[in-house]
PDB file of N, CA and C in Angstrom:
ATOM      1  N   MET A   1     108.116 140.345 106.805  1.00  0.00           N
ATOM      2  CA  MET A   1     107.860 139.285 105.861  1.00  0.00           C
ATOM      3  C   MET A   1     106.603 138.544 106.310  1.00  0.00           C
ATOM      4  N   ARG A   2     105.748 138.285 105.358  1.00  0.00           N
ATOM      5  CA  ARG A   2     104.505 137.586 105.652  1.00  0.00           C
ATOM      6  C   ARG A   2     104.458 136.289 104.850  1.00  0.00           C
ATOM      7  N   VAL A   3     104.196 135.179 105.535  1.00  0.00           N
ATOM      8  CA  VAL A   3     104.168 133.873 104.884  1.00  0.00           C
ATOM      9  C   VAL A   3     102.734 133.369 104.867  1.00  0.00           C
ATOM     10  N   GLU A   4     102.284 132.959 103.683  1.00  0.00           N
ATOM     11  CA  GLU A   4     100.943 132.401 103.555  1.00  0.00           C
ATOM     12  C   GLU A   4     101.056 130.897 103.340  1.00  0.00           C
ATOM     13  N   LEU A   5     100.164 130.170 103.953  1.00  0.00           N
ATOM     14  CA  LEU A   5     100.156 128.718 103.807  1.00  0.00           C
ATOM     15  C   LEU A   5      99.696 128.330 102.411  1.00  0.00           C
ATOM     16  N   LEU A   6     100.299 127.285 101.884  1.00  0.00           N
ATOM     17  CA  LEU A   6      99.887 126.758 100.588  1.00  0.00           C
ATOM     18  C   LEU A   6      98.688 125.842 100.793  1.00  0.00           C
ATOM     19  N   VAL A   7      97.671 126.036  99.992  1.00  0.00           N
ATOM     20  CA  VAL A   7      96.472 125.211 100.074  1.00  0.00           C
ATOM     21  C   VAL A   7      96.405 124.378  98.796  1.00  0.00           C
ATOM     22  N   PRO A   8      96.417 123.052  98.915  1.00  0.00           N
ATOM     23  CA  PRO A   8      96.379 122.216  97.714  1.00  0.00           C
ATOM     24  C   PRO A   8      95.027 122.308  97.005  1.00  0.00           C
ATOM     25  N   ASP A   9      95.058 122.115  95.680  1.00  0.00           N
ATOM     26  CA  ASP A   9      93.839 122.170  94.878  1.00  0.00           C
ATOM     27  C   ASP A   9      92.971 120.927  95.066  1.00  0.00           C
ATOM     28  N   ALA A  10      93.586 119.810  95.326  1.00  0.00           N
ATOM     29  CA  ALA A  10      92.850 118.547  95.447  1.00  0.00           C
ATOM     30  C   ALA A  10      92.800 118.123  96.912  1.00  0.00           C
ATOM     31  N   PRO A  11      91.782 117.384  97.279  1.00  0.00           N
ATOM     32  CA  PRO A  11      91.719 116.901  98.663  1.00  0.00           C
ATOM     33  C   PRO A  11      92.826 115.870  98.901  1.00  0.00           C
ATOM     34  N   PRO A  12      93.255 115.709 100.122  1.00  0.00           N
ATOM     35  CA  PRO A  12      94.311 114.732 100.412  1.00  0.00           C
ATOM     36  C   PRO A  12      93.845 113.310 100.098  1.00  0.00           C
ATOM     37  N   VAL A  13      94.765 112.521  99.605  1.00  0.00           N
ATOM     38  CA  VAL A  13      94.466 111.140  99.247  1.00  0.00           C
ATOM     39  C   VAL A  13      94.576 110.286 100.494  1.00  0.00           C
ATOM     40  N   ARG A  14      93.530 109.524 100.753  1.00  0.00           N
ATOM     41  CA  ARG A  14      93.566 108.607 101.892  1.00  0.00           C
ATOM     42  C   ARG A  14      94.156 107.289 101.447  1.00  0.00           C
ATOM     43  N   ARG A  15      95.109 106.835 102.197  1.00  0.00           N
ATOM     44  CA  ARG A  15      95.739 105.560 101.884  1.00  0.00           C
ATOM     45  C   ARG A  15      95.310 104.530 102.917  1.00  0.00           C
ATOM     46  N   ALA A  16      95.125 103.336 102.458  1.00  0.00           N
ATOM     47  CA  ALA A  16      94.730 102.260 103.365  1.00  0.00           C
ATOM     48  C   ALA A  16      95.888 101.954 104.304  1.00  0.00           C
ATOM     49  N   ALA A  17      95.566 101.733 105.533  1.00  0.00           N
ATOM     50  CA  ALA A  17      96.596 101.402 106.510  1.00  0.00           C
ATOM     51  C   ALA A  17      97.103  99.982 106.250  1.00  0.00           C
ATOM     52  N   ILE A  18      98.409  99.871 106.111  1.00  0.00           N
ATOM     53  CA  ILE A  18      99.032  98.579 105.853  1.00  0.00           C
ATOM     54  C   ILE A  18      99.864  98.211 107.070  1.00  0.00           C
ATOM     55  N   ASP A  19      99.615  97.045 107.596  1.00  0.00           N
ATOM     56  CA  ASP A  19     100.365  96.584 108.756  1.00  0.00           C
ATOM     57  C   ASP A  19     101.597  95.829 108.273  1.00  0.00           C
ATOM     58  N   GLU A  20     102.760  96.478 108.357  1.00  0.00           N
ATOM     59  CA  GLU A  20     104.003  95.861 107.920  1.00  0.00           C
ATOM     60  C   GLU A  20     104.892  95.503 109.105  1.00  0.00           C
ATOM     61  N   SER A  21     104.311  95.408 110.267  1.00  0.00           N
ATOM     62  CA  SER A  21     105.106  95.149 111.460  1.00  0.00           C
ATOM     63  C   SER A  21     105.778  93.782 111.418  1.00  0.00           C
ATOM     64  N   GLY A  22     105.145  92.815 110.788  1.00  0.00           N
ATOM     65  CA  GLY A  22     105.714  91.477 110.744  1.00  0.00           C
ATOM     66  C   GLY A  22     106.323  91.113 109.412  1.00  0.00           C
ATOM     67  N   ALA A  23     106.504  92.069 108.516  1.00  0.00           N
ATOM     68  CA  ALA A  23     107.012  91.760 107.182  1.00  0.00           C
ATOM     69  C   ALA A  23     108.446  91.257 107.230  1.00  0.00           C
ATOM     70  N   PHE A  24     109.276  91.895 108.055  1.00  0.00           N
ATOM     71  CA  PHE A  24     110.675  91.469 108.147  1.00  0.00           C
ATOM     72  C   PHE A  24     110.769  90.073 108.744  1.00  0.00           C
ATOM     73  N   ALA A  25     110.011  89.820 109.791  1.00  0.00           N
ATOM     74  CA  ALA A  25     110.013  88.501 110.419  1.00  0.00           C
ATOM     75  C   ALA A  25     109.492  87.441 109.451  1.00  0.00           C
ATOM     76  N   GLN A  26     108.484  87.800 108.667  1.00  0.00           N
ATOM     77  CA  GLN A  26     107.940  86.858 107.693  1.00  0.00           C
ATOM     78  C   GLN A  26     108.972  86.537 106.609  1.00  0.00           C
ATOM     79  N   ALA A  27     109.736  87.533 106.180  1.00  0.00           N
ATOM     80  CA  ALA A  27     110.776  87.306 105.177  1.00  0.00           C
ATOM     81  C   ALA A  27     111.857  86.375 105.725  1.00  0.00           C
ATOM     82  N   LEU A  28     112.243  86.588 106.971  1.00  0.00           N
ATOM     83  CA  LEU A  28     113.239  85.706 107.582  1.00  0.00           C
ATOM     84  C   LEU A  28     112.706  84.288 107.748  1.00  0.00           C
ATOM     85  N   ASP A  29     111.441  84.167 108.104  1.00  0.00           N
ATOM     86  CA  ASP A  29     110.831  82.842 108.225  1.00  0.00           C
ATOM     87  C   ASP A  29     110.810  82.115 106.886  1.00  0.00           C
ATOM     88  N   THR A  30     110.559  82.851 105.816  1.00  0.00           N
ATOM     89  CA  THR A  30     110.534  82.251 104.485  1.00  0.00           C
ATOM     90  C   THR A  30     111.910  81.733 104.088  1.00  0.00           C
ATOM     91  N   VAL A  31     112.951  82.520 104.367  1.00  0.00           N
ATOM     92  CA  VAL A  31     114.315  82.071 104.067  1.00  0.00           C
ATOM     93  C   VAL A  31     114.662  80.859 104.925  1.00  0.00           C
ATOM     94  N   GLY A  32     114.283  80.905 106.184  1.00  0.00           N
ATOM     95  CA  GLY A  32     114.533  79.763 107.057  1.00  0.00           C
ATOM     96  C   GLY A  32     113.822  78.506 106.592  1.00  0.00           C
ATOM     97  N   ALA A  33     112.589  78.666 106.119  1.00  0.00           N
ATOM     98  CA  ALA A  33     111.832  77.516 105.611  1.00  0.00           C
ATOM     99  C   ALA A  33     112.491  76.934 104.368  1.00  0.00           C
ATOM    100  N   ALA A  34     113.055  77.791 103.525  1.00  0.00           N
ATOM    101  CA  ALA A  34     113.750  77.304 102.328  1.00  0.00           C
ATOM    102  C   ALA A  34     114.984  76.493 102.715  1.00  0.00           C
ATOM    103  N   LEU A  35     115.707  76.961 103.727  1.00  0.00           N
ATOM    104  CA  LEU A  35     116.890  76.226 104.183  1.00  0.00           C
ATOM    105  C   LEU A  35     116.501  74.896 104.819  1.00  0.00           C
ATOM    106  N   VAL A  36     115.427  74.889 105.586  1.00  0.00           N
ATOM    107  CA  VAL A  36     114.950  73.635 106.192  1.00  0.00           C
ATOM    108  C   VAL A  36     114.502  72.661 105.109  1.00  0.00           C
ATOM    109  N   GLY A  37     113.825  73.169 104.083  1.00  0.00           N
ATOM    110  CA  GLY A  37     113.395  72.311 102.976  1.00  0.00           C
ATOM    111  C   GLY A  37     114.576  71.694 102.248  1.00  0.00           C
ATOM    112  N   ALA A  38     115.640  72.490 102.091  1.00  0.00           N
ATOM    113  CA  ALA A  38     116.844  71.963 101.439  1.00  0.00           C
ATOM    114  C   ALA A  38     117.483  70.870 102.292  1.00  0.00           C
ATOM    115  N   ASP A  39     117.535  71.093 103.594  1.00  0.00           N
ATOM    116  CA  ASP A  39     118.100  70.064 104.481  1.00  0.00           C
ATOM    117  C   ASP A  39     117.277  68.783 104.438  1.00  0.00           C
ATOM    118  N   ARG A  40     115.965  68.911 104.410  1.00  0.00           N
ATOM    119  CA  ARG A  40     115.095  67.721 104.343  1.00  0.00           C
ATOM    120  C   ARG A  40     115.300  66.956 103.036  1.00  0.00           C
ATOM    121  N   ALA A  41     115.420  67.700 101.926  1.00  0.00           N
ATOM    122  CA  ALA A  41     115.624  67.039 100.638  1.00  0.00           C
ATOM    123  C   ALA A  41     116.974  66.324 100.598  1.00  0.00           C
ATOM    124  N   GLU A  42     117.992  66.946 101.171  1.00  0.00           N
ATOM    125  CA  GLU A  42     119.310  66.300 101.220  1.00  0.00           C
ATOM    126  C   GLU A  42     119.289  65.074 102.120  1.00  0.00           C
ATOM    127  N   ASP A  43     118.609  65.178 103.255  1.00  0.00           N
ATOM    128  CA  ASP A  43     118.494  64.024 104.150  1.00  0.00           C
ATOM    129  C   ASP A  43     117.709  62.891 103.490  1.00  0.00           C
ATOM    130  N   ALA A  44     116.667  63.246 102.760  1.00  0.00           N
ATOM    131  CA  ALA A  44     115.879  62.222 102.059  1.00  0.00           C
ATOM    132  C   ALA A  44     116.728  61.519 101.007  1.00  0.00           C
ATOM    133  N   PHE A  45     117.572  62.265 100.319  1.00  0.00           N
ATOM    134  CA  PHE A  45     118.454  61.646  99.325  1.00  0.00           C
ATOM    135  C   PHE A  45     119.474  60.736 100.007  1.00  0.00           C
ATOM    136  N   ALA A  46     120.002  61.184 101.146  1.00  0.00           N
ATOM    137  CA  ALA A  46     121.003  60.381 101.852  1.00  0.00           C
ATOM    138  C   ALA A  46     120.407  59.065 102.357  1.00  0.00           C
ATOM    139  N   VAL A  47     119.138  59.102 102.760  1.00  0.00           N
ATOM    140  CA  VAL A  47     118.471  57.894 103.250  1.00  0.00           C
ATOM    141  C   VAL A  47     118.063  56.990 102.096  1.00  0.00           C
ATOM    142  N   GLY A  48     117.837  57.579 100.933  1.00  0.00           N
ATOM    143  CA  GLY A  48     117.443  56.787  99.775  1.00  0.00           C
ATOM    144  C   GLY A  48     116.011  56.997  99.352  1.00  0.00           C
ATOM    145  N   SER A  49     115.283  57.837 100.054  1.00  0.00           N
ATOM    146  CA  SER A  49     113.885  58.054  99.705  1.00  0.00           C
ATOM    147  C   SER A  49     113.687  59.267  98.793  1.00  0.00           C
ATOM    148  N   GLY A  50     114.724  60.042  98.570  1.00  0.00           N
ATOM    149  CA  GLY A  50     114.621  61.225  97.713  1.00  0.00           C
ATOM    150  C   GLY A  50     115.555  61.120  96.525  1.00  0.00           C
ATOM    151  N   THR A  51     115.384  62.032  95.585  1.00  0.00           N
ATOM    152  CA  THR A  51     116.222  62.026  94.394  1.00  0.00           C
ATOM    153  C   THR A  51     117.306  63.088  94.511  1.00  0.00           C
ATOM    154  N   LEU A  52     118.374  62.887  93.773  1.00  0.00           N
ATOM    155  CA  LEU A  52     119.457  63.867  93.732  1.00  0.00           C
ATOM    156  C   LEU A  52     118.957  65.168  93.111  1.00  0.00           C
ATOM    157  N   GLN A  53     118.095  65.055  92.118  1.00  0.00           N
ATOM    158  CA  GLN A  53     117.548  66.235  91.458  1.00  0.00           C
ATOM    159  C   GLN A  53     116.779  67.112  92.450  1.00  0.00           C
ATOM    160  N   ALA A  54     115.969  66.513  93.293  1.00  0.00           N
ATOM    161  CA  ALA A  54     115.200  67.270  94.285  1.00  0.00           C
ATOM    162  C   ALA A  54     116.121  67.920  95.304  1.00  0.00           C
ATOM    163  N   ALA A  55     117.160  67.197  95.719  1.00  0.00           N
ATOM    164  CA  ALA A  55     118.099  67.746  96.698  1.00  0.00           C
ATOM    165  C   ALA A  55     118.854  68.932  96.131  1.00  0.00           C
ATOM    166  N   VAL A  56     119.322  68.811  94.904  1.00  0.00           N
ATOM    167  CA  VAL A  56     120.066  69.906  94.268  1.00  0.00           C
ATOM    168  C   VAL A  56     119.150  71.101  94.023  1.00  0.00           C
ATOM    169  N   TYR A  57     117.932  70.834  93.579  1.00  0.00           N
ATOM    170  CA  TYR A  57     116.977  71.919  93.318  1.00  0.00           C
ATOM    171  C   TYR A  57     116.649  72.687  94.593  1.00  0.00           C
ATOM    172  N   GLU A  58     116.362  71.975  95.668  1.00  0.00           N
ATOM    173  CA  GLU A  58     116.016  72.637  96.936  1.00  0.00           C
ATOM    174  C   GLU A  58     117.200  73.422  97.490  1.00  0.00           C
ATOM    175  N   ARG A  59     118.417  72.893  97.361  1.00  0.00           N
ATOM    176  CA  ARG A  59     119.599  73.608  97.837  1.00  0.00           C
ATOM    177  C   ARG A  59     119.824  74.872  97.013  1.00  0.00           C
ATOM    178  N   ALA A  60     119.649  74.782  95.705  1.00  0.00           N
ATOM    179  CA  ALA A  60     119.814  75.967  94.853  1.00  0.00           C
ATOM    180  C   ALA A  60     118.756  77.015  95.178  1.00  0.00           C
ATOM    181  N   ARG A  61     117.544  76.567  95.412  1.00  0.00           N
ATOM    182  CA  ARG A  61     116.454  77.481  95.772  1.00  0.00           C
ATOM    183  C   ARG A  61     116.750  78.193  97.092  1.00  0.00           C
ATOM    184  N   ALA A  62     117.243  77.447  98.064  1.00  0.00           N
ATOM    185  CA  ALA A  62     117.586  78.042  99.355  1.00  0.00           C
ATOM    186  C   ALA A  62     118.762  79.006  99.221  1.00  0.00           C
ATOM    187  N   ASP A  63     119.740  78.659  98.397  1.00  0.00           N
ATOM    188  CA  ASP A  63     120.887  79.543  98.194  1.00  0.00           C
ATOM    189  C   ASP A  63     120.468  80.860  97.550  1.00  0.00           C
ATOM    190  N   VAL A  64     119.562  80.791  96.597  1.00  0.00           N
ATOM    191  CA  VAL A  64     119.072  82.018  95.947  1.00  0.00           C
ATOM    192  C   VAL A  64     118.302  82.873  96.948  1.00  0.00           C
ATOM    193  N   ALA A  65     117.449  82.255  97.750  1.00  0.00           N
ATOM    194  CA  ALA A  65     116.689  83.008  98.759  1.00  0.00           C
ATOM    195  C   ALA A  65     117.625  83.675  99.755  1.00  0.00           C
ATOM    196  N   LEU A  66     118.667  82.963 100.160  1.00  0.00           N
ATOM    197  CA  LEU A  66     119.633  83.529 101.098  1.00  0.00           C
ATOM    198  C   LEU A  66     120.425  84.663 100.457  1.00  0.00           C
ATOM    199  N   SER A  67     120.782  84.522  99.194  1.00  0.00           N
ATOM    200  CA  SER A  67     121.513  85.579  98.485  1.00  0.00           C
ATOM    201  C   SER A  67     120.663  86.837  98.344  1.00  0.00           C
ATOM    202  N   VAL A  68     119.388  86.658  98.025  1.00  0.00           N
ATOM    203  CA  VAL A  68     118.489  87.812  97.887  1.00  0.00           C
ATOM    204  C   VAL A  68     118.305  88.507  99.233  1.00  0.00           C
ATOM    205  N   ALA A  69     118.154  87.725 100.304  1.00  0.00           N
ATOM    206  CA  ALA A  69     117.996  88.315 101.631  1.00  0.00           C
ATOM    207  C   ALA A  69     119.254  89.067 102.053  1.00  0.00           C
ATOM    208  N   THR A  70     120.423  88.504 101.749  1.00  0.00           N
ATOM    209  CA  THR A  70     121.681  89.163 102.089  1.00  0.00           C
ATOM    210  C   THR A  70     121.856  90.453 101.310  1.00  0.00           C
ATOM    211  N   ALA A  71     121.577  90.415 100.014  1.00  0.00           N
ATOM    212  CA  ALA A  71     121.700  91.622  99.192  1.00  0.00           C
ATOM    213  C   ALA A  71     120.727  92.704  99.639  1.00  0.00           C
ATOM    214  N   THR A  72     119.520  92.304 100.002  1.00  0.00           N
ATOM    215  CA  THR A  72     118.524  93.267 100.482  1.00  0.00           C
ATOM    216  C   THR A  72     118.971  93.908 101.784  1.00  0.00           C
ATOM    217  N   ALA A  73     119.498  93.113 102.683  1.00  0.00           N
ATOM    218  CA  ALA A  73     119.981  93.655 103.959  1.00  0.00           C
ATOM    219  C   ALA A  73     121.142  94.614 103.744  1.00  0.00           C
ATOM    220  N   GLN A  74     122.028  94.286 102.815  1.00  0.00           N
ATOM    221  CA  GLN A  74     123.159  95.170 102.526  1.00  0.00           C
ATOM    222  C   GLN A  74     122.692  96.487 101.917  1.00  0.00           C
ATOM    223  N   ARG A  75     121.723  96.407 101.019  1.00  0.00           N
ATOM    224  CA  ARG A  75     121.187  97.646 100.412  1.00  0.00           C
ATOM    225  C   ARG A  75     120.500  98.509 101.457  1.00  0.00           C
ATOM    226  N   ALA A  76     119.758  97.886 102.347  1.00  0.00           N
ATOM    227  CA  ALA A  76     119.082  98.643 103.405  1.00  0.00           C
ATOM    228  C   ALA A  76     120.104  99.302 104.326  1.00  0.00           C
ATOM    229  N   ALA A  77     121.161  98.580 104.647  1.00  0.00           N
ATOM    230  CA  ALA A  77     122.206  99.145 105.504  1.00  0.00           C
ATOM    231  C   ALA A  77     122.906 100.313 104.802  1.00  0.00           C
ATOM    232  N   GLN A  78     123.146 100.190 103.497  1.00  0.00           N
ATOM    233  CA  GLN A  78     123.758 101.287 102.746  1.00  0.00           C
ATOM    234  C   GLN A  78     122.852 102.508 102.726  1.00  0.00           C
ATOM    235  N   ALA A  79     121.566 102.291 102.542  1.00  0.00           N
ATOM    236  CA  ALA A  79     120.621 103.406 102.510  1.00  0.00           C
ATOM    237  C   ALA A  79     120.578 104.116 103.856  1.00  0.00           C
ATOM    238  N   LEU A  80     120.533 103.340 104.932  1.00  0.00           N
ATOM    239  CA  LEU A  80     120.529 103.949 106.260  1.00  0.00           C
ATOM    240  C   LEU A  80     121.833 104.698 106.526  1.00  0.00           C
ATOM    241  N   GLN A  81     122.945 104.132 106.089  1.00  0.00           N
ATOM    242  CA  GLN A  81     124.227 104.798 106.281  1.00  0.00           C
ATOM    243  C   GLN A  81     124.265 106.117 105.522  1.00  0.00           C
ATOM    244  N   SER A  82     123.706 106.145 104.328  1.00  0.00           N
ATOM    245  CA  SER A  82     123.645 107.387 103.556  1.00  0.00           C
ATOM    246  C   SER A  82     122.798 108.439 104.258  1.00  0.00           C
ATOM    247  N   ILE A  83     121.691 107.992 104.824  1.00  0.00           N
ATOM    248  CA  ILE A  83     120.821 108.926 105.559  1.00  0.00           C
ATOM    249  C   ILE A  83     121.531 109.458 106.798  1.00  0.00           C
ATOM    250  N   PHE A  84     122.207 108.574 107.508  1.00  0.00           N
ATOM    251  CA  PHE A  84     122.899 108.993 108.735  1.00  0.00           C
ATOM    252  C   PHE A  84     124.070 109.930 108.438  1.00  0.00           C
ATOM    253  N   ASN A  85     124.655 109.796 107.257  1.00  0.00           N
ATOM    254  CA  ASN A  85     125.788 110.656 106.901  1.00  0.00           C
ATOM    255  C   ASN A  85     125.364 112.015 106.366  1.00  0.00           C
ATOM    256  N   MET A  86     124.086 112.219 106.140  1.00  0.00           N
ATOM    257  CA  MET A  86     123.616 113.524 105.650  1.00  0.00           C
ATOM    258  C   MET A  86     123.825 114.585 106.711  1.00  0.00           C
ATOM    259  N   GLN A  87     124.244 115.754 106.254  1.00  0.00           N
ATOM    260  CA  GLN A  87     124.405 116.863 107.177  1.00  0.00           C
ATOM    261  C   GLN A  87     123.193 117.759 107.048  1.00  0.00           C
ATOM    262  N   VAL A  88     122.586 118.021 108.176  1.00  0.00           N
ATOM    263  CA  VAL A  88     121.376 118.833 108.174  1.00  0.00           C
ATOM    264  C   VAL A  88     121.709 120.258 108.484  1.00  0.00           C
TER     265      VAL A  88
END
Protein backbone atom coordinates (compact mmCIF):
# COMPACT_ATOMS: atom_id res chain seq x y z
CA MET A 1 0.00 0.00 0.00
CA ARG A 2 1.32 3.40 -0.94
CA VAL A 3 0.09 6.58 0.76
CA GLU A 4 0.48 9.98 -0.86
CA LEU A 5 0.34 13.19 1.13
CA LEU A 6 -2.53 15.55 0.44
CA VAL A 7 -1.40 18.94 -0.80
CA PRO A 8 -3.89 21.78 -0.28
CA ASP A 9 -4.79 24.02 -3.22
CA ALA A 10 -4.56 27.23 -1.21
CA PRO A 11 -1.69 28.45 0.93
CA PRO A 12 -2.16 28.10 4.69
CA VAL A 13 -3.95 30.97 6.38
CA ARG A 14 -1.86 32.84 8.89
CA ARG A 15 -3.71 33.80 12.00
CA ALA A 16 -2.66 36.58 14.29
CA ALA A 17 -1.32 35.37 17.59
CA ILE A 18 -3.80 36.14 20.36
CA ASP A 19 -2.61 36.17 23.93
CA GLU A 20 -5.44 34.65 25.97
CA SER A 21 -3.34 33.72 28.96
CA GLY A 22 -5.03 36.27 31.19
CA ALA A 23 -8.56 36.05 29.80
CA PHE A 24 -9.86 33.79 32.57
CA ALA A 25 -8.29 35.93 35.28
CA GLN A 26 -9.70 39.06 33.65
CA ALA A 27 -13.20 37.53 33.59
CA LEU A 28 -12.95 36.67 37.28
CA ASP A 29 -11.71 40.18 38.06
CA THR A 30 -14.70 41.64 36.22
CA VAL A 31 -17.15 39.53 38.23
CA GLY A 32 -15.35 40.47 41.42
CA ALA A 33 -15.51 44.16 40.51
CA ALA A 34 -19.26 43.86 39.93
CA LEU A 35 -19.72 42.32 43.37
CA VAL A 36 -17.58 45.02 44.99
CA GLY A 37 -19.60 47.70 43.19
CA ALA A 38 -22.81 46.17 44.50
CA ASP A 39 -21.45 46.15 48.05
CA ARG A 40 -20.41 49.80 47.74
CA ALA A 41 -23.83 50.82 46.44
CA GLU A 42 -25.55 48.96 49.29
CA ASP A 43 -23.22 50.53 51.84
CA ALA A 44 -23.85 53.97 50.36
CA PHE A 45 -27.60 53.42 50.67
CA ALA A 46 -27.23 52.24 54.26
CA VAL A 47 -25.23 55.37 55.15
CA GLY A 48 -27.71 57.61 53.37
CA SER A 49 -25.54 58.87 50.54
CA GLY A 50 -26.88 56.47 47.90
CA THR A 51 -30.27 55.62 46.48
CA LEU A 52 -32.19 52.38 46.79
CA GLN A 53 -32.48 52.28 43.01
CA ALA A 54 -28.68 52.32 42.59
CA ALA A 55 -28.23 49.63 45.24
CA VAL A 56 -30.81 47.33 43.67
CA TYR A 57 -29.45 47.93 40.17
CA GLU A 58 -25.85 47.18 41.16
CA ARG A 59 -26.89 44.03 43.06
CA ALA A 60 -28.91 42.79 40.08
CA ARG A 61 -26.00 43.52 37.76
CA ALA A 62 -23.61 41.60 40.00
CA ASP A 63 -26.05 38.68 40.28
CA VAL A 64 -26.34 38.44 36.50
CA ALA A 65 -22.55 38.54 36.08
CA LEU A 66 -22.17 35.81 38.69
CA SER A 67 -24.87 33.68 37.04
CA VAL A 68 -23.22 34.00 33.63
CA ALA A 69 -19.82 33.09 35.08
CA THR A 70 -21.29 30.07 36.87
CA ALA A 71 -23.12 28.85 33.77
CA THR A 72 -19.98 29.29 31.67
CA ALA A 73 -17.90 27.32 34.14
CA GLN A 74 -20.48 24.53 34.21
CA ARG A 75 -20.58 24.36 30.40
CA ALA A 76 -16.79 24.24 30.24
CA ALA A 77 -16.71 21.46 32.82
CA GLN A 78 -19.33 19.50 30.86
CA ALA A 79 -17.35 19.90 27.65
CA LEU A 80 -14.15 18.71 29.31
CA GLN A 81 -15.99 15.78 30.87
CA SER A 82 -17.32 14.80 27.44
CA ILE A 83 -13.82 14.94 25.99
CA PHE A 84 -12.39 12.89 28.85
CA ASN A 85 -15.10 10.26 28.44
CA MET A 86 -14.31 9.72 24.75
CA GLN A 87 -12.80 6.38 23.95
CA VAL A 88 -9.91 6.54 21.57
